[in-house]
């Protein structure tokens, strides 16, 4: 994506993070939050809600 001049934004990262959380791979999800911040995409309210849902033990439903 970046090779084509299209930098990922928070929406892109949130989709990836949601997938890792849905698959119960929290460490990989946190790794993407770090990558997201390093690349200049700010975590937004949706990013936070994904982790809050995990902490409060709510199911993270797939978007389909």
Protein backbone atom coordinates (compact mmCIF):
# COMPACT_ATOMS: atom_id res chain seq x y z
CA UNK A 1 0.00 0.00 0.00
CA UNK A 2 2.71 2.47 0.97
CA UNK A 3 4.71 1.50 -2.09
CA UNK A 4 1.88 2.92 -4.20
CA UNK A 5 1.87 6.26 -2.36
CA UNK A 6 -1.15 5.40 -0.24
CA UNK A 7 -0.18 5.53 3.43
CA UNK A 8 -2.41 3.56 5.79
CA UNK A 9 -4.72 5.57 8.03
CA UNK A 10 -6.37 4.76 11.37
CA UNK A 11 -9.27 3.01 9.60
CA UNK A 12 -6.86 0.57 7.93
CA UNK A 13 -5.04 -0.17 11.17
CA UNK A 14 -8.30 -0.54 13.11
CA UNK A 15 -9.44 -3.20 10.67
CA UNK A 16 -6.20 -5.14 11.15
CA UNK A 17 -6.26 -4.66 14.93
CA UNK A 18 -9.89 -5.85 15.09
CA UNK A 19 -8.89 -9.00 13.19
CA UNK A 20 -6.08 -9.81 15.61
CA UNK A 21 -8.30 -9.17 18.64
CA UNK A 22 -11.05 -11.30 17.15
CA UNK A 23 -8.45 -14.04 16.73
CA UNK A 24 -7.36 -13.46 20.35
CA UNK A 25 -3.85 -12.35 19.35
CA UNK A 26 -3.58 -9.34 21.65
CA UNK A 27 0.20 -9.04 21.36
CA UNK A 28 -0.03 -8.71 17.58
CA UNK A 29 -2.83 -6.15 17.94
CA UNK A 30 -0.67 -4.09 20.30
CA UNK A 31 2.23 -4.39 17.87
CA UNK A 32 0.04 -2.80 15.19
CA UNK A 33 -0.91 0.04 17.54
CA UNK A 34 2.81 0.73 17.95
CA UNK A 35 3.34 0.55 14.19
CA UNK A 36 0.34 2.80 13.66
CA UNK A 37 1.78 5.47 15.94
CA UNK A 38 5.27 5.15 14.49
CA UNK A 39 3.92 5.73 10.99
CA UNK A 40 2.02 8.84 12.09
CA UNK A 41 -1.54 7.49 12.19
CA UNK A 42 -3.20 8.47 15.44
CA UNK A 43 -5.21 5.97 17.41
CA UNK A 44 -8.80 7.16 17.50
CA UNK A 45 -11.89 6.48 19.59
CA UNK A 46 -12.59 3.32 17.60
CA UNK A 47 -9.10 1.96 18.32
CA UNK A 48 -9.67 2.56 22.01
CA UNK A 49 -13.10 0.95 21.96
CA UNK A 50 -11.64 -2.24 20.47
CA UNK A 51 -9.37 -2.64 23.49
CA UNK A 52 -12.02 -1.54 25.99
CA UNK A 53 -14.30 -4.25 24.58
CA UNK A 54 -11.53 -6.77 25.11
CA UNK A 55 -10.91 -5.64 28.68
CA UNK A 56 -14.58 -5.61 29.62
CA UNK A 57 -14.92 -9.08 28.14
CA UNK A 58 -17.40 -8.13 25.42
CA UNK A 59 -17.28 -10.17 22.25
CA UNK A 60 -15.54 -8.48 19.37
CA UNK A 61 -17.81 -9.39 16.49
CA UNK A 62 -16.45 -9.61 12.98
CA UNK A 63 -17.76 -6.82 10.73
CA UNK A 64 -19.65 -9.25 8.50
